[in-house]
Amino acid sequence: MKILSPRATQGLKILHLLAVSAWVGGQMCLILLSIMRASMADVADQYAIVLAIEAIDEIVIVGGAMGTLITGFFYSLLTNWGFFRHRWLTVKWIVTVSLILFGIFFLGPWASQMADIAVAERAAAFVNDDFLAAEKNSTIFGNIQFCLAVGMVIISVKKPWKHI
């Protein structure tokens, strides 16, 4: 049951693509910043990058993920695509919600923990065991999440599975 006009559907699709771009682009930025921080000798530069990582996570990634979820919801609700009409859509819904929940409960808190330790300890933060553990977890699982997000983009383009 299609409710939106073609023009409104295009507008919603544009908003959805912008949100996805922010989410995936933000993840890519975090990977790049983490690589840059690891190669920096200056503690002040490392400190600035840790704070930038937290800001990108809280603003760009969270905003993009929530925008993706909300626009995806309305796109499914108000167009012929539906929520679970195709297997690839079902996979996207499951992966999207899983990634967002993992980000809320793990990735975001790790980024905040790193920033909190960096603010409190400055140079000593970069040898703090809690900081290093959060950084390691954030790097490993952030890279996995980025790959899954890129996989969802590929699924969106290829639409690989038949109707349910």
N, C-alpha and C. Protein backbone atom coordinates (compact mmCIF):
# COMPACT_ATOMS: atom_id res chain seq x y z
N MET A 1 0.85 -1.18 0.00
CA MET A 1 0.00 0.00 0.00
C MET A 1 0.89 1.24 0.00
N LYS A 2 0.98 1.89 -1.14
CA LYS A 2 1.81 3.07 -1.27
C LYS A 2 1.01 4.30 -0.84
N ILE A 3 1.59 5.08 0.04
CA ILE A 3 0.90 6.27 0.55
C ILE A 3 1.56 7.55 0.04
N LEU A 4 2.87 7.54 -0.08
CA LEU A 4 3.59 8.74 -0.50
C LEU A 4 3.54 8.93 -2.02
N SER A 5 3.51 10.19 -2.43
CA SER A 5 3.61 10.51 -3.85
C SER A 5 5.03 10.21 -4.32
N PRO A 6 5.24 10.09 -5.63
CA PRO A 6 6.60 9.86 -6.13
C PRO A 6 7.60 10.93 -5.67
N ARG A 7 7.17 12.17 -5.65
CA ARG A 7 8.05 13.26 -5.23
C ARG A 7 8.41 13.14 -3.73
N ALA A 8 7.41 12.84 -2.91
CA ALA A 8 7.65 12.67 -1.48
C ALA A 8 8.54 11.46 -1.23
N THR A 9 8.34 10.40 -2.01
CA THR A 9 9.18 9.20 -1.88
C THR A 9 10.63 9.54 -2.21
N GLN A 10 10.85 10.33 -3.24
CA GLN A 10 12.20 10.76 -3.59
C GLN A 10 12.83 11.57 -2.47
N GLY A 11 12.05 12.47 -1.89
CA GLY A 11 12.56 13.29 -0.78
C GLY A 11 12.96 12.45 0.41
N LEU A 12 12.12 11.46 0.73
CA LEU A 12 12.43 10.57 1.85
C LEU A 12 13.66 9.73 1.54
N LYS A 13 13.80 9.29 0.30
CA LYS A 13 14.97 8.51 -0.10
C LYS A 13 16.24 9.36 0.01
N ILE A 14 16.16 10.62 -0.37
CA ILE A 14 17.31 11.53 -0.24
C ILE A 14 17.70 11.67 1.22
N LEU A 15 16.73 11.88 2.10
CA LEU A 15 17.03 11.99 3.54
C LEU A 15 17.65 10.70 4.06
N HIS A 16 17.13 9.56 3.60
CA HIS A 16 17.66 8.26 4.03
C HIS A 16 19.11 8.11 3.58
N LEU A 17 19.38 8.44 2.34
CA LEU A 17 20.75 8.32 1.83
C LEU A 17 21.72 9.27 2.52
N LEU A 18 21.26 10.47 2.85
CA LEU A 18 22.11 11.41 3.60
C LEU A 18 22.42 10.87 4.99
N ALA A 19 21.41 10.28 5.64
CA ALA A 19 21.63 9.71 6.97
C ALA A 19 22.60 8.53 6.91
N VAL A 20 22.42 7.66 5.93
CA VAL A 20 23.34 6.52 5.77
C VAL A 20 24.75 7.03 5.50
N SER A 21 24.86 8.05 4.67
CA SER A 21 26.18 8.63 4.36
C SER A 21 26.86 9.18 5.61
N ALA A 22 26.09 9.84 6.46
CA ALA A 22 26.65 10.36 7.70
C ALA A 22 27.11 9.22 8.60
N TRP A 23 26.30 8.20 8.72
CA TRP A 23 26.62 7.06 9.58
C TRP A 23 27.88 6.35 9.11
N VAL A 24 27.90 5.96 7.84
CA VAL A 24 29.05 5.22 7.30
C VAL A 24 30.27 6.14 7.17
N GLY A 25 30.06 7.37 6.75
CA GLY A 25 31.17 8.32 6.64
C GLY A 25 31.79 8.64 7.99
N GLY A 26 30.94 8.76 9.01
CA GLY A 26 31.45 8.98 10.36
C GLY A 26 32.28 7.81 10.85
N GLN A 27 31.82 6.60 10.55
CA GLN A 27 32.59 5.41 10.92
C GLN A 27 33.95 5.41 10.21
N MET A 28 33.94 5.78 8.94
CA MET A 28 35.19 5.83 8.18
C MET A 28 36.14 6.87 8.78
N CYS A 29 35.60 7.99 9.20
CA CYS A 29 36.42 9.03 9.83
C CYS A 29 37.05 8.54 11.13
N LEU A 30 36.29 7.79 11.93
CA LEU A 30 36.84 7.26 13.18
C LEU A 30 38.00 6.31 12.91
N ILE A 31 37.87 5.49 11.89
CA ILE A 31 38.95 4.57 11.53
C ILE A 31 40.19 5.37 11.13
N LEU A 32 40.01 6.37 10.29
CA LEU A 32 41.13 7.20 9.84
C LEU A 32 41.78 7.95 11.01
N LEU A 33 40.96 8.53 11.88
CA LEU A 33 41.51 9.26 13.03
C LEU A 33 42.27 8.33 13.98
N SER A 34 41.76 7.13 14.16
CA SER A 34 42.45 6.16 15.03
C SER A 34 43.81 5.79 14.44
N ILE A 35 43.86 5.61 13.13
CA ILE A 35 45.14 5.31 12.48
C ILE A 35 46.10 6.48 12.63
N MET A 36 45.59 7.69 12.44
CA MET A 36 46.44 8.88 12.58
C MET A 36 46.96 9.03 14.00
N ARG A 37 46.09 8.82 15.00
CA ARG A 37 46.49 8.98 16.40
C ARG A 37 47.60 8.01 16.75
N ALA A 38 47.52 6.80 16.24
CA ALA A 38 48.52 5.78 16.57
C ALA A 38 49.91 6.17 16.07
N SER A 39 49.97 7.00 15.04
CA SER A 39 51.27 7.37 14.48
C SER A 39 51.79 8.71 14.99
N MET A 40 51.06 9.35 15.89
CA MET A 40 51.46 10.67 16.39
C MET A 40 52.27 10.56 17.67
N ALA A 41 53.32 11.37 17.71
CA ALA A 41 54.15 11.39 18.91
C ALA A 41 53.68 12.47 19.89
N ASP A 42 53.13 13.55 19.38
CA ASP A 42 52.71 14.67 20.22
C ASP A 42 51.44 14.33 20.99
N VAL A 43 51.52 14.38 22.31
CA VAL A 43 50.41 14.04 23.18
C VAL A 43 49.24 14.99 22.98
N ALA A 44 49.52 16.26 22.75
CA ALA A 44 48.44 17.23 22.55
C ALA A 44 47.63 16.88 21.30
N ASP A 45 48.30 16.44 20.24
CA ASP A 45 47.60 16.02 19.02
C ASP A 45 46.76 14.78 19.28
N GLN A 46 47.32 13.83 20.01
CA GLN A 46 46.59 12.60 20.34
C GLN A 46 45.34 12.93 21.17
N TYR A 47 45.51 13.83 22.11
CA TYR A 47 44.41 14.26 22.97
C TYR A 47 43.29 14.87 22.12
N ALA A 48 43.66 15.74 21.19
CA ALA A 48 42.67 16.39 20.32
C ALA A 48 41.93 15.36 19.47
N ILE A 49 42.65 14.36 18.99
CA ILE A 49 42.01 13.33 18.17
C ILE A 49 41.02 12.50 18.98
N VAL A 50 41.36 12.17 20.20
CA VAL A 50 40.44 11.41 21.05
C VAL A 50 39.15 12.20 21.28
N LEU A 51 39.27 13.49 21.51
CA LEU A 51 38.07 14.33 21.70
C LEU A 51 37.28 14.44 20.40
N ALA A 52 37.99 14.51 19.26
CA ALA A 52 37.31 14.56 17.96
C ALA A 52 36.56 13.26 17.69
N ILE A 53 37.17 12.13 18.07
CA ILE A 53 36.52 10.84 17.90
C ILE A 53 35.21 10.80 18.69
N GLU A 54 35.25 11.26 19.92
CA GLU A 54 34.02 11.26 20.72
C GLU A 54 32.96 12.17 20.10
N ALA A 55 33.36 13.34 19.61
CA ALA A 55 32.40 14.27 19.02
C ALA A 55 31.79 13.70 17.74
N ILE A 56 32.60 13.10 16.89
CA ILE A 56 32.09 12.50 15.66
C ILE A 56 31.15 11.35 16.01
N ASP A 57 31.51 10.57 17.00
CA ASP A 57 30.66 9.45 17.42
C ASP A 57 29.31 9.97 17.90
N GLU A 58 29.33 10.94 18.80
CA GLU A 58 28.09 11.41 19.42
C GLU A 58 27.21 12.22 18.48
N ILE A 59 27.80 12.93 17.54
CA ILE A 59 27.01 13.81 16.68
C ILE A 59 26.76 13.19 15.30
N VAL A 60 27.81 12.86 14.60
CA VAL A 60 27.66 12.39 13.22
C VAL A 60 27.14 10.95 13.16
N ILE A 61 27.79 10.06 13.90
CA ILE A 61 27.41 8.65 13.83
C ILE A 61 26.05 8.40 14.47
N VAL A 62 25.83 8.91 15.67
CA VAL A 62 24.53 8.72 16.32
C VAL A 62 23.43 9.39 15.49
N GLY A 63 23.67 10.59 15.02
CA GLY A 63 22.68 11.28 14.19
C GLY A 63 22.39 10.52 12.91
N GLY A 64 23.44 10.04 12.27
CA GLY A 64 23.26 9.28 11.03
C GLY A 64 22.54 7.97 11.27
N ALA A 65 22.89 7.27 12.35
CA ALA A 65 22.25 5.98 12.65
C ALA A 65 20.77 6.18 12.98
N MET A 66 20.47 7.18 13.79
CA MET A 66 19.07 7.43 14.14
C MET A 66 18.29 7.92 12.91
N GLY A 67 18.93 8.76 12.10
CA GLY A 67 18.29 9.22 10.86
C GLY A 67 18.02 8.06 9.92
N THR A 68 18.97 7.13 9.83
CA THR A 68 18.79 5.94 8.99
C THR A 68 17.62 5.11 9.49
N LEU A 69 17.57 4.90 10.78
CA LEU A 69 16.49 4.09 11.37
C LEU A 69 15.13 4.75 11.14
N ILE A 70 15.04 6.03 11.42
CA ILE A 70 13.76 6.74 11.31
C ILE A 70 13.30 6.83 9.86
N THR A 71 14.19 7.24 8.95
CA THR A 71 13.79 7.34 7.55
C THR A 71 13.51 5.97 6.95
N GLY A 72 14.27 4.95 7.38
CA GLY A 72 13.99 3.59 6.93
C GLY A 72 12.63 3.11 7.38
N PHE A 73 12.27 3.46 8.60
CA PHE A 73 10.95 3.10 9.14
C PHE A 73 9.85 3.72 8.28
N PHE A 74 9.96 5.02 8.01
CA PHE A 74 8.92 5.68 7.22
C PHE A 74 8.93 5.23 5.77
N TYR A 75 10.11 4.94 5.25
CA TYR A 75 10.21 4.42 3.88
C TYR A 75 9.49 3.08 3.78
N SER A 76 9.68 2.22 4.77
CA SER A 76 9.00 0.91 4.77
C SER A 76 7.50 1.06 5.00
N LEU A 77 7.13 1.97 5.87
CA LEU A 77 5.73 2.15 6.23
C LEU A 77 4.92 2.80 5.10
N LEU A 78 5.53 3.78 4.42
CA LEU A 78 4.76 4.62 3.50
C LEU A 78 5.01 4.35 2.02
N THR A 79 5.72 3.27 1.71
CA THR A 79 5.94 2.91 0.31
C THR A 79 5.61 1.43 0.12
N ASN A 80 5.71 0.96 -1.11
CA ASN A 80 5.41 -0.44 -1.42
C ASN A 80 6.49 -1.41 -0.92
N TRP A 81 7.63 -0.90 -0.46
CA TRP A 81 8.70 -1.80 -0.03
C TRP A 81 8.31 -2.61 1.20
N GLY A 82 7.62 -2.00 2.14
CA GLY A 82 7.22 -2.71 3.35
C GLY A 82 8.42 -2.97 4.26
N PHE A 83 8.16 -3.68 5.34
CA PHE A 83 9.20 -3.97 6.33
C PHE A 83 9.90 -5.31 6.07
N PHE A 84 9.13 -6.32 5.74
CA PHE A 84 9.68 -7.67 5.63
C PHE A 84 9.23 -8.37 4.35
N ARG A 85 8.91 -7.58 3.35
CA ARG A 85 8.41 -8.12 2.09
C ARG A 85 9.50 -8.85 1.30
N HIS A 86 10.73 -8.46 1.51
CA HIS A 86 11.88 -9.06 0.83
C HIS A 86 12.88 -9.52 1.89
N ARG A 87 13.58 -10.61 1.60
CA ARG A 87 14.58 -11.12 2.56
C ARG A 87 15.67 -10.08 2.81
N TRP A 88 16.09 -9.39 1.76
CA TRP A 88 17.16 -8.41 1.94
C TRP A 88 16.73 -7.28 2.86
N LEU A 89 15.45 -6.92 2.84
CA LEU A 89 14.95 -5.89 3.77
C LEU A 89 14.95 -6.41 5.20
N THR A 90 14.57 -7.67 5.36
CA THR A 90 14.57 -8.27 6.69
C THR A 90 15.99 -8.28 7.25
N VAL A 91 16.95 -8.67 6.41
CA VAL A 91 18.36 -8.66 6.84
C VAL A 91 18.79 -7.26 7.21
N LYS A 92 18.43 -6.27 6.40
CA LYS A 92 18.81 -4.89 6.71
C LYS A 92 18.22 -4.42 8.03
N TRP A 93 16.95 -4.75 8.29
CA TRP A 93 16.34 -4.35 9.56
C TRP A 93 17.06 -4.98 10.74
N ILE A 94 17.33 -6.27 10.64
CA ILE A 94 18.01 -6.97 11.74
C ILE A 94 19.40 -6.40 11.97
N VAL A 95 20.16 -6.20 10.90
CA VAL A 95 21.53 -5.68 11.03
C VAL A 95 21.51 -4.24 11.52
N THR A 96 20.63 -3.42 10.98
CA THR A 96 20.56 -2.01 11.40
C THR A 96 20.29 -1.88 12.89
N VAL A 97 19.26 -2.57 13.35
CA VAL A 97 18.91 -2.49 14.77
C VAL A 97 20.04 -3.06 15.64
N SER A 98 20.65 -4.14 15.19
CA SER A 98 21.76 -4.74 15.94
C SER A 98 22.95 -3.79 16.03
N LEU A 99 23.30 -3.16 14.91
CA LEU A 99 24.42 -2.22 14.92
C LEU A 99 24.14 -1.02 15.81
N ILE A 100 22.93 -0.51 15.75
CA ILE A 100 22.58 0.64 16.58
C ILE A 100 22.64 0.26 18.06
N LEU A 101 22.09 -0.88 18.41
CA LEU A 101 22.13 -1.30 19.81
C LEU A 101 23.56 -1.55 20.28
N PHE A 102 24.37 -2.17 19.44
CA PHE A 102 25.77 -2.39 19.80
C PHE A 102 26.50 -1.06 19.98
N GLY A 103 26.19 -0.10 19.12
CA GLY A 103 26.79 1.23 19.24
C GLY A 103 26.37 1.92 20.52
N ILE A 104 25.09 1.80 20.86
CA ILE A 104 24.58 2.44 22.08
C ILE A 104 25.22 1.85 23.33
N PHE A 105 25.30 0.53 23.38
CA PHE A 105 25.73 -0.13 24.61
C PHE A 105 27.24 -0.40 24.70
N PHE A 106 27.95 -0.34 23.57
CA PHE A 106 29.38 -0.66 23.62
C PHE A 106 30.25 0.42 22.96
N LEU A 107 30.08 0.64 21.67
CA LEU A 107 30.99 1.55 20.96
C LEU A 107 30.94 2.98 21.51
N GLY A 108 29.76 3.50 21.70
CA GLY A 108 29.63 4.85 22.26
C GLY A 108 30.25 4.97 23.65
N PRO A 109 29.93 4.06 24.56
CA PRO A 109 30.56 4.12 25.88
C PRO A 109 32.08 3.98 25.84
N TRP A 110 32.61 3.17 24.93
CA TRP A 110 34.07 3.06 24.83
C TRP A 110 34.68 4.38 24.38
N ALA A 111 34.06 5.04 23.40
CA ALA A 111 34.57 6.34 22.94
C ALA A 111 34.49 7.37 24.07
N SER A 112 33.39 7.37 24.81
CA SER A 112 33.24 8.30 25.93
C SER A 112 34.25 8.01 27.03
N GLN A 113 34.48 6.72 27.30
CA GLN A 113 35.45 6.33 28.33
C GLN A 113 36.85 6.82 27.93
N MET A 114 37.21 6.65 26.68
CA MET A 114 38.52 7.11 26.22
C MET A 114 38.65 8.62 26.40
N ALA A 115 37.61 9.36 26.02
CA ALA A 115 37.65 10.82 26.15
C ALA A 115 37.71 11.24 27.62
N ASP A 116 36.92 10.58 28.46
CA ASP A 116 36.92 10.91 29.89
C ASP A 116 38.30 10.69 30.51
N ILE A 117 38.92 9.56 30.17
CA ILE A 117 40.26 9.27 30.71
C ILE A 117 41.27 10.27 30.17
N ALA A 118 41.15 10.61 28.89
CA ALA A 118 42.08 11.58 28.29
C ALA A 118 41.95 12.95 28.94
N VAL A 119 40.73 13.37 29.22
CA VAL A 119 40.51 14.67 29.88
C VAL A 119 41.09 14.64 31.29
N ALA A 120 40.87 13.55 32.00
CA ALA A 120 41.32 13.45 33.39
C ALA A 120 42.83 13.28 33.52
N GLU A 121 43.43 12.53 32.61
CA GLU A 121 44.84 12.16 32.80
C GLU A 121 45.79 12.75 31.77
N ARG A 122 45.27 13.38 30.75
CA ARG A 122 46.07 13.95 29.65
C ARG A 122 47.07 12.92 29.12
N ALA A 123 48.36 13.16 29.22
CA ALA A 123 49.38 12.28 28.63
C ALA A 123 49.36 10.88 29.23
N ALA A 124 49.06 10.77 30.51
CA ALA A 124 49.04 9.46 31.17
C ALA A 124 47.91 8.58 30.65
N ALA A 125 46.91 9.18 30.02
CA ALA A 125 45.78 8.41 29.50
C ALA A 125 46.22 7.37 28.48
N PHE A 126 47.24 7.70 27.71
CA PHE A 126 47.61 6.84 26.59
C PHE A 126 48.41 5.60 27.00
N VAL A 127 48.65 5.46 28.31
CA VAL A 127 49.23 4.23 28.84
C VAL A 127 48.31 3.61 29.91
N ASN A 128 47.15 4.22 30.10
CA ASN A 128 46.16 3.72 31.07
C ASN A 128 45.54 2.44 30.52
N ASP A 129 45.50 1.39 31.34
CA ASP A 129 44.98 0.10 30.90
C ASP A 129 43.51 0.17 30.47
N ASP A 130 42.70 0.94 31.18
CA ASP A 130 41.29 1.08 30.80
C ASP A 130 41.15 1.79 29.46
N PHE A 131 41.94 2.84 29.26
CA PHE A 131 41.94 3.55 27.98
C PHE A 131 42.34 2.60 26.86
N LEU A 132 43.43 1.86 27.06
CA LEU A 132 43.93 0.96 26.02
C LEU A 132 42.94 -0.16 25.71
N ALA A 133 42.26 -0.67 26.72
CA ALA A 133 41.25 -1.71 26.50
C ALA A 133 40.07 -1.15 25.70
N ALA A 134 39.61 0.04 26.07
CA ALA A 134 38.50 0.67 25.35
C ALA A 134 38.91 0.96 23.90
N GLU A 135 40.15 1.41 23.73
CA GLU A 135 40.65 1.71 22.38
C GLU A 135 40.72 0.43 21.53
N LYS A 136 41.21 -0.64 22.12
CA LYS A 136 41.32 -1.91 21.39
C LYS A 136 39.93 -2.42 20.99
N ASN A 137 39.00 -2.44 21.95
CA ASN A 137 37.64 -2.89 21.65
C ASN A 137 36.97 -2.00 20.60
N SER A 138 37.15 -0.71 20.75
CA SER A 138 36.57 0.24 19.81
C SER A 138 37.13 0.03 18.40
N THR A 139 38.41 -0.22 18.31
CA THR A 139 39.04 -0.42 17.01
C THR A 139 38.53 -1.71 16.36
N ILE A 140 38.57 -2.80 17.09
CA ILE A 140 38.16 -4.09 16.53
C ILE A 140 36.69 -4.08 16.13
N PHE A 141 35.84 -3.73 17.09
CA PHE A 141 34.41 -3.81 16.82
C PHE A 141 33.91 -2.65 15.95
N GLY A 142 34.59 -1.51 16.00
CA GLY A 142 34.26 -0.41 15.10
C GLY A 142 34.53 -0.78 13.65
N ASN A 143 35.64 -1.46 13.41
CA ASN A 143 35.95 -1.92 12.05
C ASN A 143 34.95 -2.96 11.57
N ILE A 144 34.56 -3.86 12.45
CA ILE A 144 33.54 -4.86 12.09
C ILE A 144 32.22 -4.16 11.76
N GLN A 145 31.86 -3.19 12.59
CA GLN A 145 30.61 -2.48 12.36
C GLN A 145 30.65 -1.72 11.03
N PHE A 146 31.77 -1.11 10.73
CA PHE A 146 31.92 -0.40 9.46
C PHE A 146 31.73 -1.37 8.29
N CYS A 147 32.35 -2.53 8.35
CA CYS A 147 32.22 -3.53 7.28
C CYS A 147 30.77 -3.99 7.13
N LEU A 148 30.09 -4.18 8.23
CA LEU A 148 28.68 -4.58 8.16
C LEU A 148 27.82 -3.47 7.57
N ALA A 149 28.13 -2.22 7.92
CA ALA A 149 27.38 -1.09 7.37
C ALA A 149 27.60 -0.98 5.86
N VAL A 150 28.83 -1.16 5.42
CA VAL A 150 29.11 -1.16 3.97
C VAL A 150 28.37 -2.32 3.31
N GLY A 151 28.35 -3.47 3.98
CA GLY A 151 27.60 -4.62 3.47
C GLY A 151 26.12 -4.31 3.29
N MET A 152 25.56 -3.54 4.20
CA MET A 152 24.15 -3.16 4.08
C MET A 152 23.93 -2.25 2.87
N VAL A 153 24.87 -1.37 2.61
CA VAL A 153 24.77 -0.51 1.42
C VAL A 153 24.79 -1.39 0.17
N ILE A 154 25.68 -2.36 0.15
CA ILE A 154 25.76 -3.27 -1.01
C ILE A 154 24.46 -4.05 -1.17
N ILE A 155 23.91 -4.54 -0.07
CA ILE A 155 22.63 -5.26 -0.12
C ILE A 155 21.53 -4.34 -0.65
N SER A 156 21.54 -3.08 -0.25
CA SER A 156 20.52 -2.13 -0.72
C SER A 156 20.58 -1.93 -2.22
N VAL A 157 21.76 -1.94 -2.76
CA VAL A 157 21.92 -1.73 -4.20
C VAL A 157 21.61 -3.01 -4.98
N LYS A 158 22.13 -4.14 -4.50
CA LYS A 158 21.98 -5.41 -5.25
C LYS A 158 20.63 -6.09 -5.02
N LYS A 159 20.01 -5.86 -3.86
CA LYS A 159 18.73 -6.50 -3.52
C LYS A 159 18.79 -7.99 -3.86
N PRO A 160 19.66 -8.73 -3.19
CA PRO A 160 20.02 -10.08 -3.65
C PRO A 160 19.02 -11.22 -3.44
N TRP A 161 18.06 -11.08 -2.55
CA TRP A 161 17.20 -12.21 -2.27
C TRP A 161 15.77 -11.97 -2.73
N LYS A 162 15.08 -13.03 -2.98
CA LYS A 162 13.71 -12.97 -3.51
C LYS A 162 12.72 -12.55 -2.42
N HIS A 163 11.47 -12.43 -2.88
CA HIS A 163 10.36 -12.13 -1.96
C HIS A 163 10.23 -13.21 -0.90
N ILE A 164 9.72 -12.79 0.27
CA ILE A 164 9.41 -13.77 1.32
C ILE A 164 8.03 -14.32 1.05
